[in-house]
């Protein structure tokens, strides 16, 4: 493991930060809160360690801790409810989606991004980690036994659809976001292929009705990978200090900005609350808007 995190001399457009501040609310069952005085929209984040406070530990940080810096505190409040080690399945089983929905009010946003812990299969039950979803893109189910209890495991799209439906019923809008990339430069030359969970997120967006139903898709994985291609191997490798999944604070900040670029290049009204214009986001650090079929929901 390398001991020095490399920070390139690229001017960041909203002020470079290396440590998240208290304006991003950390999540527990006891302190999950909506926006102050319920006067402004809350942006709830549901995800795993790549997004969560503290990341995967060992000097890493989740990108969700930096999202607030793209919004004026008087117009939007970010509640980072992501939790390390979780999948869409375990986030559902532990009641974390429901805890968010219980606080959602009309005008709020819920951003859902999983995938890193959702792969594999719940079979055989003897090796089920409690995280793998049932393989498939539809309404397939897998019956297993986890923690001495029978569990009917759903597919990844089904978990996203169910979680989204709850928040939509409370008057929120939803963004389904594709997972961040594993280090696309970890094997030398740049290489990135969107995972199946990118497709599943886009599919769930379509099945929920897309923009006309208040559901949007952001190809976050593609935008983050584009930024990492532009940053170069040395910078990227130094900012994956622990493994090929979890980012150091600098790269977590870049990954957050790449999400914002994807948001601004798409059609979600949340983009209107972002402090920076698309023209200020595009450039040598993040790249440009990707083709429409990768960023705009059907």
Foldseek 3Di string as FASTA:
>chain_A
DDDDADDDPDDDDLDDDQDFDVLAAADDLPPQAAQVVPPAAEEEEEEALLAHACRVPPQFGHLVSQLCSQFDSVHYGYHYHYYHPAALQVCVVVCVLVSVLVRAAAPYEYEYEYDPQADDDCPPVVPRPRHHAHDDLDFDWDWHADPNRIDIGGHRLVSVLVSQVSNLVRNYAYEYEYYADFLQCPVHDGDDDGDVSLVSSLVSCVVCPHVVSRYWYFHLRVQLSQLSNLVDDVNSVSQVPPGRHTGHSRSSNLSSLSSLLLVQLEDHPVNVRGPDHNVSSDDSRRHHHDDCVSRYRD
